[in-house]
C-alpha atoms as a PDB file:
ATOM      1  CA  MET A   1     -10.064 -19.798   2.343  1.00  0.00           C
ATOM      2  CA  THR A   2      -7.558 -19.804   4.879  1.00  0.00           C
ATOM      3  CA  PRO A   3      -5.106 -17.389   6.555  1.00  0.00           C
ATOM      4  CA  MET A   4      -2.233 -18.782   4.187  1.00  0.00           C
ATOM      5  CA  THR A   5      -4.653 -18.729   1.109  1.00  0.00           C
ATOM      6  CA  ALA A   6      -4.851 -15.170   1.794  1.00  0.00           C
ATOM      7  CA  LEU A   7      -2.150 -14.008   1.949  1.00  0.00           C
ATOM      8  CA  VAL A   8      -0.883 -15.608  -0.977  1.00  0.00           C
ATOM      9  CA  VAL A   9      -3.322 -14.568  -2.881  1.00  0.00           C
ATOM     10  CA  ASP A  10      -2.948 -11.045  -1.369  1.00  0.00           C
ATOM     11  CA  VAL A  11       0.787 -10.764  -2.581  1.00  0.00           C
ATOM     12  CA  LEU A  12      -0.286 -10.950  -6.439  1.00  0.00           C
ATOM     13  CA  ILE A  13      -2.403  -8.394  -6.228  1.00  0.00           C
ATOM     14  CA  THR A  14      -0.091  -5.817  -4.032  1.00  0.00           C
ATOM     15  CA  ALA A  15       1.951  -6.919  -6.687  1.00  0.00           C
ATOM     16  CA  LEU A  16       0.007  -6.086  -8.963  1.00  0.00           C
ATOM     17  CA  TRP A  17      -1.077  -3.008  -7.617  1.00  0.00           C
ATOM     18  CA  PRO A  18       1.787  -0.689  -9.427  1.00  0.00           C
ATOM     19  CA  LEU A  19       1.049  -2.202 -12.873  1.00  0.00           C
ATOM     20  CA  ILE A  20      -3.108  -1.056 -12.834  1.00  0.00           C
ATOM     21  CA  GLY A  21      -1.708   2.193 -11.520  1.00  0.00           C
ATOM     22  CA  ALA A  22      -0.034   3.030 -14.148  1.00  0.00           C
ATOM     23  CA  ALA A  23      -2.705   1.282 -16.936  1.00  0.00           C
ATOM     24  CA  GLY A  24      -5.161   3.388 -15.571  1.00  0.00           C
ATOM     25  CA  LEU A  25      -3.630   6.966 -15.533  1.00  0.00           C
ATOM     26  CA  ARG A  26      -3.301   6.460 -19.214  1.00  0.00           C
ATOM     27  CA  ASP A  27      -6.936   7.583 -19.634  1.00  0.00           C
ATOM     28  CA  TYR A  28      -7.783   8.917 -15.783  1.00  0.00           C
ATOM     29  CA  GLY A  29      -6.217  11.500 -13.863  1.00  0.00           C
ATOM     30  CA  ALA A  30      -4.626  10.008 -10.364  1.00  0.00           C
ATOM     31  CA  VAL A  31      -7.201  11.929  -8.120  1.00  0.00           C
ATOM     32  CA  PRO A  32      -9.758  11.340 -10.040  1.00  0.00           C
ATOM     33  CA  PHE A  33      -8.936   7.359  -9.863  1.00  0.00           C
ATOM     34  CA  MET A  34      -7.273   6.849  -6.559  1.00  0.00           C
ATOM     35  CA  SER A  35     -11.100   8.048  -5.790  1.00  0.00           C
ATOM     36  CA  ALA A  36     -13.269   6.269  -7.861  1.00  0.00           C
ATOM     37  CA  GLY A  37     -11.157   3.241  -7.188  1.00  0.00           C
ATOM     38  CA  MET A  38     -11.818   3.246  -3.352  1.00  0.00           C
ATOM     39  CA  ALA A  39     -15.056   4.677  -3.543  1.00  0.00           C
ATOM     40  CA  LEU A  40     -15.555   1.217  -6.249  1.00  0.00           C
ATOM     41  CA  GLY A  41     -14.010  -0.635  -3.158  1.00  0.00           C
ATOM     42  CA  ALA A  42     -16.226   0.266  -0.228  1.00  0.00           C
ATOM     43  CA  LEU A  43     -19.071  -0.061  -1.939  1.00  0.00           C
ATOM     44  CA  SER A  44     -18.216  -3.765  -3.243  1.00  0.00           C
ATOM     45  CA  VAL A  45     -18.043  -4.527   0.509  1.00  0.00           C
ATOM     46  CA  LEU A  46     -21.684  -2.715   1.449  1.00  0.00           C
ATOM     47  CA  PRO A  47     -22.985  -6.381   1.690  1.00  0.00           C
ATOM     48  CA  TRP A  48     -20.752  -7.547   4.368  1.00  0.00           C
ATOM     49  CA  LEU A  49     -21.236  -4.246   6.424  1.00  0.00           C
ATOM     50  CA  ALA A  50     -24.612  -4.006   6.260  1.00  0.00           C
ATOM     51  CA  LEU A  51     -24.155  -7.764   8.462  1.00  0.00           C
ATOM     52  CA  GLU A  52     -24.089  -8.071  11.844  1.00  0.00           C
ATOM     53  CA  GLY A  53     -24.332  -4.230  12.666  1.00  0.00           C
ATOM     54  CA  ARG A  54     -20.430  -3.609  11.347  1.00  0.00           C
ATOM     55  CA  TRP A  55     -22.223  -0.405   9.411  1.00  0.00           C
ATOM     56  CA  ARG A  56     -23.200   0.975  12.442  1.00  0.00           C
ATOM     57  CA  ARG A  57     -19.934   0.643  14.282  1.00  0.00           C
ATOM     58  CA  VAL A  58     -17.495   1.864  11.005  1.00  0.00           C
ATOM     59  CA  VAL A  59     -20.033   5.138  11.552  1.00  0.00           C
ATOM     60  CA  SER A  60     -20.290   5.439  14.744  1.00  0.00           C
ATOM     61  CA  GLY A  61     -18.246   6.132  18.434  1.00  0.00           C
ATOM     62  CA  GLY A  62     -14.286   5.536  18.805  1.00  0.00           C
ATOM     63  CA  ALA A  63     -14.040   2.909  15.632  1.00  0.00           C
ATOM     64  CA  ALA A  64     -15.145   5.048  13.805  1.00  0.00           C
ATOM     65  CA  ARG A  65     -12.699   8.338  14.814  1.00  0.00           C
ATOM     66  CA  ALA A  66      -9.927   5.727  14.756  1.00  0.00           C
ATOM     67  CA  LEU A  67     -11.396   3.908  11.022  1.00  0.00           C
ATOM     68  CA  ALA A  68     -11.212   7.664   9.771  1.00  0.00           C
ATOM     69  CA  LEU A  69      -7.749   8.232  10.869  1.00  0.00           C
ATOM     70  CA  MET A  70      -6.590   4.804   9.475  1.00  0.00           C
ATOM     71  CA  GLY A  71      -8.754   6.200   6.252  1.00  0.00           C
ATOM     72  CA  LEU A  72      -6.705   9.283   6.203  1.00  0.00           C
ATOM     73  CA  PHE A  73      -3.089   7.712   6.195  1.00  0.00           C
ATOM     74  CA  SER A  74      -3.930   5.126   3.942  1.00  0.00           C
ATOM     75  CA  ALA A  75      -5.590   7.581   1.234  1.00  0.00           C
ATOM     76  CA  ALA A  76      -3.061   9.663   0.717  1.00  0.00           C
ATOM     77  CA  PRO A  77       0.116   7.746   0.672  1.00  0.00           C
ATOM     78  CA  SER A  78      -1.290   5.550  -1.553  1.00  0.00           C
ATOM     79  CA  LEU A  79      -2.778   9.191  -3.823  1.00  0.00           C
ATOM     80  CA  ILE A  80       0.714  10.148  -3.713  1.00  0.00           C
ATOM     81  CA  TYR A  81       2.378   6.594  -4.934  1.00  0.00           C
ATOM     82  CA  VAL A  82      -0.225   6.505  -7.940  1.00  0.00           C
ATOM     83  CA  ILE A  83       1.116  10.426  -8.602  1.00  0.00           C
ATOM     84  CA  ALA A  84       4.335   9.091  -8.201  1.00  0.00           C
ATOM     85  CA  LEU A  85       3.831   6.273 -11.495  1.00  0.00           C
ATOM     86  CA  ALA A  86       3.407   9.227 -13.547  1.00  0.00           C
ATOM     87  CA  TYR A  87       6.787   9.101 -13.042  1.00  0.00           C
ATOM     88  CA  THR A  88       8.984   6.348 -12.020  1.00  0.00           C
ATOM     89  CA  THR A  89       8.108   2.392 -13.293  1.00  0.00           C
ATOM     90  CA  PRO A  90       6.039  -0.180 -11.411  1.00  0.00           C
ATOM     91  CA  VAL A  91       9.634  -1.912 -10.318  1.00  0.00           C
ATOM     92  CA  ASN A  92      10.934   0.943  -9.213  1.00  0.00           C
ATOM     93  CA  ALA A  93       7.727   1.796  -6.853  1.00  0.00           C
ATOM     94  CA  VAL A  94       8.073  -1.592  -5.345  1.00  0.00           C
ATOM     95  CA  ILE A  95      11.581  -1.507  -4.265  1.00  0.00           C
ATOM     96  CA  LEU A  96      11.494   2.195  -3.015  1.00  0.00           C
ATOM     97  CA  ALA A  97       7.793   1.296  -1.177  1.00  0.00           C
ATOM     98  CA  GLN A  98      10.202  -1.325   0.944  1.00  0.00           C
ATOM     99  CA  VAL A  99      11.671   1.867   2.846  1.00  0.00           C
ATOM    100  CA  GLU A 100       8.319   1.528   4.800  1.00  0.00           C
ATOM    101  CA  ILE A 101       9.833  -0.680   7.524  1.00  0.00           C
ATOM    102  CA  VAL A 102      12.129   1.720   7.995  1.00  0.00           C
ATOM    103  CA  TYR A 103       9.767   4.263   9.069  1.00  0.00           C
ATOM    104  CA  SER A 104       7.994   0.978  11.407  1.00  0.00           C
ATOM    105  CA  VAL A 105      11.183   1.063  13.260  1.00  0.00           C
ATOM    106  CA  ILE A 106      11.747   4.839  13.669  1.00  0.00           C
ATOM    107  CA  ILE A 107       7.923   4.840  15.031  1.00  0.00           C
ATOM    108  CA  SER A 108       8.394   2.232  17.279  1.00  0.00           C
ATOM    109  CA  ALA A 109      11.124   3.259  18.565  1.00  0.00           C
ATOM    110  CA  ALA A 110       9.554   7.035  19.165  1.00  0.00           C
ATOM    111  CA  ALA A 111       7.120   5.795  20.469  1.00  0.00           C
ATOM    112  CA  LEU A 112       8.387   3.451  22.881  1.00  0.00           C
ATOM    113  CA  GLY A 113      11.853   5.612  23.578  1.00  0.00           C
ATOM    114  CA  GLU A 114      13.523   2.948  22.790  1.00  0.00           C
ATOM    115  CA  LYS A 115      16.843   2.826  20.509  1.00  0.00           C
ATOM    116  CA  PRO A 116      17.582   0.201  17.731  1.00  0.00           C
ATOM    117  CA  THR A 117      19.962  -2.133  17.888  1.00  0.00           C
ATOM    118  CA  LEU A 118      23.340  -2.682  16.011  1.00  0.00           C
ATOM    119  CA  LYS A 119      21.447  -5.098  14.076  1.00  0.00           C
ATOM    120  CA  GLN A 120      17.857  -3.107  13.523  1.00  0.00           C
ATOM    121  CA  SER A 121      20.406  -0.090  12.219  1.00  0.00           C
ATOM    122  CA  LEU A 122      22.496  -2.508   9.835  1.00  0.00           C
ATOM    123  CA  ALA A 123      18.518  -4.425   8.598  1.00  0.00           C
ATOM    124  CA  SER A 124      17.974  -0.350   8.090  1.00  0.00           C
ATOM    125  CA  ALA A 125      20.703   0.141   6.410  1.00  0.00           C
ATOM    126  CA  LEU A 126      20.399  -2.008   3.650  1.00  0.00           C
ATOM    127  CA  VAL A 127      17.045  -1.356   2.746  1.00  0.00           C
ATOM    128  CA  ILE A 128      18.351   2.812   2.642  1.00  0.00           C
ATOM    129  CA  GLY A 129      20.641   1.228   0.402  1.00  0.00           C
ATOM    130  CA  GLY A 130      19.072  -0.617  -2.246  1.00  0.00           C
ATOM    131  CA  THR A 131      16.430   2.360  -2.068  1.00  0.00           C
ATOM    132  CA  ALA A 132      19.723   4.909  -2.604  1.00  0.00           C
ATOM    133  CA  LEU A 133      20.615   2.769  -5.269  1.00  0.00           C
ATOM    134  CA  ILE A 134      17.250   3.270  -7.289  1.00  0.00           C
ATOM    135  CA  VAL A 135      17.294   7.233  -6.409  1.00  0.00           C
ATOM    136  CA  ALA A 136      20.755   8.168  -7.481  1.00  0.00           C
ATOM    137  CA  ARG A 137      20.262   5.498 -11.029  1.00  0.00           C
ATOM    138  CA  ASP A 138      17.798   8.167 -11.747  1.00  0.00           C
ATOM    139  CA  LEU A 139      18.602  11.825 -11.260  1.00  0.00           C
ATOM    140  CA  ARG A 140      19.487  12.103 -14.584  1.00  0.00           C
ATOM    141  CA  SER A 141      15.880  11.685 -15.349  1.00  0.00           C
ATOM    142  CA  PRO A 142      12.081  12.286 -14.857  1.00  0.00           C
ATOM    143  CA  ARG A 143      11.651   9.356 -12.533  1.00  0.00           C
ATOM    144  CA  TRP A 144      13.113  11.094  -8.973  1.00  0.00           C
ATOM    145  CA  ARG A 145      10.796  13.259  -8.730  1.00  0.00           C
ATOM    146  CA  GLY A 146       8.348   9.733  -8.352  1.00  0.00           C
ATOM    147  CA  ASP A 147      10.778   8.422  -6.557  1.00  0.00           C
ATOM    148  CA  LEU A 148      11.227  10.638  -3.568  1.00  0.00           C
ATOM    149  CA  MET A 149       7.305  11.119  -3.583  1.00  0.00           C
ATOM    150  CA  ILE A 150       7.127   6.949  -2.539  1.00  0.00           C
ATOM    151  CA  LEU A 151       9.840   7.665  -0.193  1.00  0.00           C
ATOM    152  CA  GLY A 152       8.240  10.776   1.542  1.00  0.00           C
ATOM    153  CA  SER A 153       5.115   9.396   1.998  1.00  0.00           C
ATOM    154  CA  ALA A 154       5.141   5.714   2.957  1.00  0.00           C
ATOM    155  CA  TRP A 155       5.459   6.808   6.726  1.00  0.00           C
ATOM    156  CA  MET A 156       1.534   7.095   6.101  1.00  0.00           C
ATOM    157  CA  TYR A 157       0.973   3.599   5.559  1.00  0.00           C
ATOM    158  CA  GLN A 158       2.723   2.943   9.140  1.00  0.00           C
ATOM    159  CA  VAL A 159       0.858   5.525  11.274  1.00  0.00           C
ATOM    160  CA  SER A 160      -2.451   3.723   9.594  1.00  0.00           C
ATOM    161  CA  HIS A 161      -1.053   0.074  11.158  1.00  0.00           C
ATOM    162  CA  ALA A 162      -0.562   1.659  14.284  1.00  0.00           C
ATOM    163  CA  ILE A 163      -3.776   2.899  14.735  1.00  0.00           C
ATOM    164  CA  SER A 164      -5.312  -0.065  13.446  1.00  0.00           C
ATOM    165  CA  LYS A 165      -3.484  -2.200  16.373  1.00  0.00           C
ATOM    166  CA  LYS A 166      -5.392  -0.040  19.401  1.00  0.00           C
ATOM    167  CA  LEU A 167      -9.174  -1.146  17.242  1.00  0.00           C
ATOM    168  CA  PRO A 168     -10.920  -3.577  19.818  1.00  0.00           C
ATOM    169  CA  ARG A 169      -9.802  -7.103  18.931  1.00  0.00           C
ATOM    170  CA  ASP A 170     -14.012  -8.112  18.041  1.00  0.00           C
ATOM    171  CA  LEU A 171     -13.647  -5.803  14.424  1.00  0.00           C
ATOM    172  CA  ASP A 172     -13.239  -8.013  11.989  1.00  0.00           C
ATOM    173  CA  SER A 173     -11.601  -8.068   8.547  1.00  0.00           C
ATOM    174  CA  TRP A 174     -14.943  -6.515   7.246  1.00  0.00           C
ATOM    175  CA  THR A 175     -15.499  -3.930   9.162  1.00  0.00           C
ATOM    176  CA  LEU A 176     -11.554  -2.962   9.373  1.00  0.00           C
ATOM    177  CA  ALA A 177     -11.426  -2.599   5.683  1.00  0.00           C
ATOM    178  CA  GLY A 178     -14.946  -1.169   4.864  1.00  0.00           C
ATOM    179  CA  GLY A 179     -14.061   1.616   7.287  1.00  0.00           C
ATOM    180  CA  ARG A 180     -11.122   2.355   6.117  1.00  0.00           C
ATOM    181  CA  LEU A 181     -12.252   2.061   2.419  1.00  0.00           C
ATOM    182  CA  PHE A 182     -15.520   4.353   3.560  1.00  0.00           C
ATOM    183  CA  TYR A 183     -13.499   7.503   5.482  1.00  0.00           C
ATOM    184  CA  GLY A 184     -10.576   6.852   2.144  1.00  0.00           C
ATOM    185  CA  ALA A 185     -13.074   7.649  -0.192  1.00  0.00           C
ATOM    186  CA  LEU A 186     -14.651   9.927   1.172  1.00  0.00           C
ATOM    187  CA  ILE A 187     -11.571  11.907   2.593  1.00  0.00           C
ATOM    188  CA  LEU A 188     -10.807  11.757  -1.732  1.00  0.00           C
ATOM    189  CA  ALA A 189     -14.153  13.108  -3.333  1.00  0.00           C
ATOM    190  CA  PRO A 190     -13.458  16.887  -2.825  1.00  0.00           C
ATOM    191  CA  ALA A 191     -10.014  16.437  -4.183  1.00  0.00           C
ATOM    192  CA  ALA A 192     -11.827  14.779  -7.448  1.00  0.00           C
ATOM    193  CA  ALA A 193     -14.193  17.081  -7.845  1.00  0.00           C
ATOM    194  CA  TRP A 194     -11.878  19.194  -7.680  1.00  0.00           C
ATOM    195  CA  ALA A 195      -9.342  18.369  -9.924  1.00  0.00           C
ATOM    196  CA  LEU A 196     -12.362  16.763 -12.571  1.00  0.00           C
ATOM    197  CA  SER A 197     -13.539  20.780 -12.789  1.00  0.00           C
ATOM    198  CA  ARG A 198     -10.171  21.438 -13.446  1.00  0.00           C
ATOM    199  CA  GLY A 199     -10.541  19.308 -17.053  1.00  0.00           C
ATOM    200  CA  ALA A 200      -8.697  15.838 -14.965  1.00  0.00           C
ATOM    201  CA  ARG A 201      -8.928  12.996 -17.333  1.00  0.00           C
ATOM    202  CA  TRP A 202     -11.750  10.349 -17.112  1.00  0.00           C
ATOM    203  CA  SER A 203     -12.623   7.950 -19.685  1.00  0.00           C
ATOM    204  CA  TRP A 204     -15.901   5.800 -19.820  1.00  0.00           C
ATOM    205  CA  ALA A 205     -14.604   3.471 -22.245  1.00  0.00           C
ATOM    206  CA  PRO A 206     -14.987   0.229 -21.939  1.00  0.00           C
ATOM    207  CA  GLY A 207     -11.090  -0.930 -21.415  1.00  0.00           C
ATOM    208  CA  PRO A 208     -10.579   1.582 -18.630  1.00  0.00           C
ATOM    209  CA  LEU A 209     -13.567   1.144 -16.751  1.00  0.00           C
ATOM    210  CA  GLY A 210     -12.293  -2.614 -16.500  1.00  0.00           C
ATOM    211  CA  THR A 211      -9.342  -0.663 -15.070  1.00  0.00           C
ATOM    212  CA  LEU A 212     -10.756   1.315 -12.574  1.00  0.00           C
ATOM    213  CA  ALA A 213     -13.142  -1.748 -11.741  1.00  0.00           C
ATOM    214  CA  LEU A 214      -9.849  -3.783 -10.784  1.00  0.00           C
ATOM    215  CA  GLU A 215      -7.887  -0.934  -9.037  1.00  0.00           C
ATOM    216  CA  GLY A 216     -11.430  -1.121  -7.018  1.00  0.00           C
ATOM    217  CA  VAL A 217     -12.417  -4.408  -5.967  1.00  0.00           C
ATOM    218  CA  LEU A 218      -8.580  -5.693  -5.939  1.00  0.00           C
ATOM    219  CA  ALA A 219      -6.289  -3.311  -5.380  1.00  0.00           C
ATOM    220  CA  CYS A 220      -7.925  -1.150  -2.774  1.00  0.00           C
ATOM    221  CA  SER A 221     -11.258  -4.559  -1.659  1.00  0.00           C
ATOM    222  CA  ALA A 222      -9.556  -7.283  -1.816  1.00  0.00           C
ATOM    223  CA  ASN A 223      -6.229  -6.608  -1.345  1.00  0.00           C
ATOM    224  CA  ILE A 224      -7.353  -4.884   2.416  1.00  0.00           C
ATOM    225  CA  VAL A 225      -9.790  -7.523   3.308  1.00  0.00           C
ATOM    226  CA  LEU A 226      -7.394 -10.559   2.538  1.00  0.00           C
ATOM    227  CA  TRP A 227      -4.855  -9.004   4.552  1.00  0.00           C
ATOM    228  CA  TYR A 228      -6.497  -8.871   8.026  1.00  0.00           C
ATOM    229  CA  VAL A 229      -7.602 -11.708   7.480  1.00  0.00           C
ATOM    230  CA  ALA A 230      -4.571 -13.439   6.935  1.00  0.00           C
ATOM    231  CA  LEU A 231      -3.339 -11.046   9.972  1.00  0.00           C
ATOM    232  CA  ARG A 232      -6.455 -12.784  12.024  1.00  0.00           C
ATOM    233  CA  GLY A 233      -4.666 -16.231  11.567  1.00  0.00           C
ATOM    234  CA  LEU A 234      -1.009 -15.821  11.705  1.00  0.00           C
ATOM    235  CA  ASP A 235       1.689 -13.716  13.274  1.00  0.00           C
ATOM    236  CA  LEU A 236       2.513 -10.566  12.230  1.00  0.00           C
ATOM    237  CA  SER A 237       5.639 -10.775  11.427  1.00  0.00           C
ATOM    238  CA  LYS A 238       5.369 -14.037   9.297  1.00  0.00           C
ATOM    239  CA  ALA A 239       2.794 -12.235   7.444  1.00  0.00           C
ATOM    240  CA  THR A 240       4.814  -9.375   6.753  1.00  0.00           C
ATOM    241  CA  THR A 241       7.645 -11.500   5.822  1.00  0.00           C
ATOM    242  CA  ILE A 242       6.158 -13.693   3.189  1.00  0.00           C
ATOM    243  CA  MET A 243       4.061 -10.441   1.943  1.00  0.00           C
ATOM    244  CA  LEU A 244       7.573  -8.955   1.873  1.00  0.00           C
ATOM    245  CA  SER A 245       8.555 -10.635  -1.068  1.00  0.00           C
ATOM    246  CA  TYR A 246       5.760  -9.101  -3.426  1.00  0.00           C
ATOM    247  CA  PRO A 247       8.116  -6.345  -5.018  1.00  0.00           C
ATOM    248  CA  ALA A 248       9.590  -9.897  -6.624  1.00  0.00           C
ATOM    249  CA  ALA A 249       6.522 -10.388  -7.560  1.00  0.00           C
ATOM    250  CA  THR A 250       5.829  -7.131  -9.874  1.00  0.00           C
ATOM    251  CA  LEU A 251       9.434  -7.598 -11.111  1.00  0.00           C
ATOM    252  CA  VAL A 252       8.290 -10.951 -13.049  1.00  0.00           C
ATOM    253  CA  PHE A 253       5.041  -9.026 -13.935  1.00  0.00           C
ATOM    254  CA  SER A 254       6.436  -5.641 -15.651  1.00  0.00           C
ATOM    255  CA  TRP A 255       8.563  -8.203 -17.530  1.00  0.00           C
ATOM    256  CA  LEU A 256       5.855 -10.074 -18.783  1.00  0.00           C
ATOM    257  CA  TRP A 257       3.206  -7.284 -18.982  1.00  0.00           C
ATOM    258  CA  THR A 258       4.782  -4.465 -20.678  1.00  0.00           C
ATOM    259  CA  HIS A 259       8.531  -5.521 -21.298  1.00  0.00           C
ATOM    260  CA  GLU A 260       9.758  -3.127 -19.054  1.00  0.00           C
ATOM    261  CA  PRO A 261      13.583  -3.741 -19.126  1.00  0.00           C
ATOM    262  CA  VAL A 262      15.354  -5.176 -16.099  1.00  0.00           C
ATOM    263  CA  ALA A 263      18.395  -3.352 -15.046  1.00  0.00           C
ATOM    264  CA  GLY A 264      21.561  -5.075 -12.967  1.00  0.00           C
ATOM    265  CA  VAL A 265      20.625  -1.843 -10.119  1.00  0.00           C
ATOM    266  CA  GLN A 266      17.170  -2.672 -10.106  1.00  0.00           C
ATOM    267  CA  VAL A 267      17.878  -6.173  -8.979  1.00  0.00           C
ATOM    268  CA  ALA A 268      20.664  -5.380  -7.001  1.00  0.00           C
ATOM    269  CA  GLY A 269      18.417  -3.047  -5.203  1.00  0.00           C
ATOM    270  CA  LEU A 270      15.715  -5.395  -5.121  1.00  0.00           C
ATOM    271  CA  ALA A 271      17.894  -8.207  -3.034  1.00  0.00           C
ATOM    272  CA  ALA A 272      19.338  -4.869  -0.162  1.00  0.00           C
ATOM    273  CA  THR A 273      15.526  -3.105   0.284  1.00  0.00           C
ATOM    274  CA  VAL A 274      13.827  -7.457   0.782  1.00  0.00           C
ATOM    275  CA  GLY A 275      16.761  -8.686   2.513  1.00  0.00           C
ATOM    276  CA  GLY A 276      17.106  -5.668   4.666  1.00  0.00           C
ATOM    277  CA  ALA A 277      13.199  -5.464   5.118  1.00  0.00           C
ATOM    278  CA  ALA A 278      12.699  -9.200   5.701  1.00  0.00           C
ATOM    279  CA  TRP A 279      16.272  -8.706   8.327  1.00  0.00           C
ATOM    280  CA  THR A 280      13.864  -6.379  10.193  1.00  0.00           C
ATOM    281  CA  ALA A 281      10.570  -8.254  10.714  1.00  0.00           C
ATOM    282  CA  ARG A 282      12.805 -11.315  11.734  1.00  0.00           C
ATOM    283  CA  LEU A 283      14.119  -9.192  14.464  1.00  0.00           C
ATOM    284  CA  ALA A 284      11.132  -7.093  15.267  1.00  0.00           C
ATOM    285  CA  ALA A 285       9.451 -11.104  16.107  1.00  0.00           C
ATOM    286  CA  GLN A 286      12.775 -12.672  18.176  1.00  0.00           C
ATOM    287  CA  ALA A 287      11.935  -8.544  20.160  1.00  0.00           C
ATOM    288  CA  SER A 288       8.745  -9.922  20.880  1.00  0.00           C
END
């Protein structure tokens, strides 16, 4: 599979993830659903981890510590994201998640001691303005809780990405994805056990188990593997810009799958956040 093909497939999987998460919450508690999904994702890449000494690198040495931190800073926001879907809609979730690129600018500025340029500030303002449209619309409904959960947790993904950049270049996509999933599953397992002991929802029915399998194999496993395959062969800014188109696909999928009505403010918020995020990605490419 070429890097561009991997990226296009990954965009579609990423667009489906909030819909899979929302469907899973009908039969599972958020914590056991996300924990089991990451465990299934780790199991699905295990055959590849067993080859070429990949597993040894996942569990030993400096790479293991970095992969564990990546697991923490990806599992935690993913769990919060799924919990948020109990309050807000999948379309709102993907629009609000675009604030992650603003966190990227902030973290880069803090790490490098550089002040954002005027263009970077304007691009960030577009993203913030788009998310503000969604939050303002939801203040009179229970959705605002989910909106704020996503806005307040997206920065953790950027920490995970920053850690991944410091790993040895010879770690391939399977090692990165497998390590991140393995440690993420380990971190969430105690929380899932506690939640189940407190009566969290769980189902062994075929339909819900199928949704759980989609969460594990597609959203947790294939999603991550394909992203790293794309990054190995494409420029980061180009890959990021293309990936930022996934909220539009989520909007279409949500309308087709759940018949969720699309409000004008959602379209406006989507245009502002995706436009600002894409502009930020281009500015990052120019700066590098």
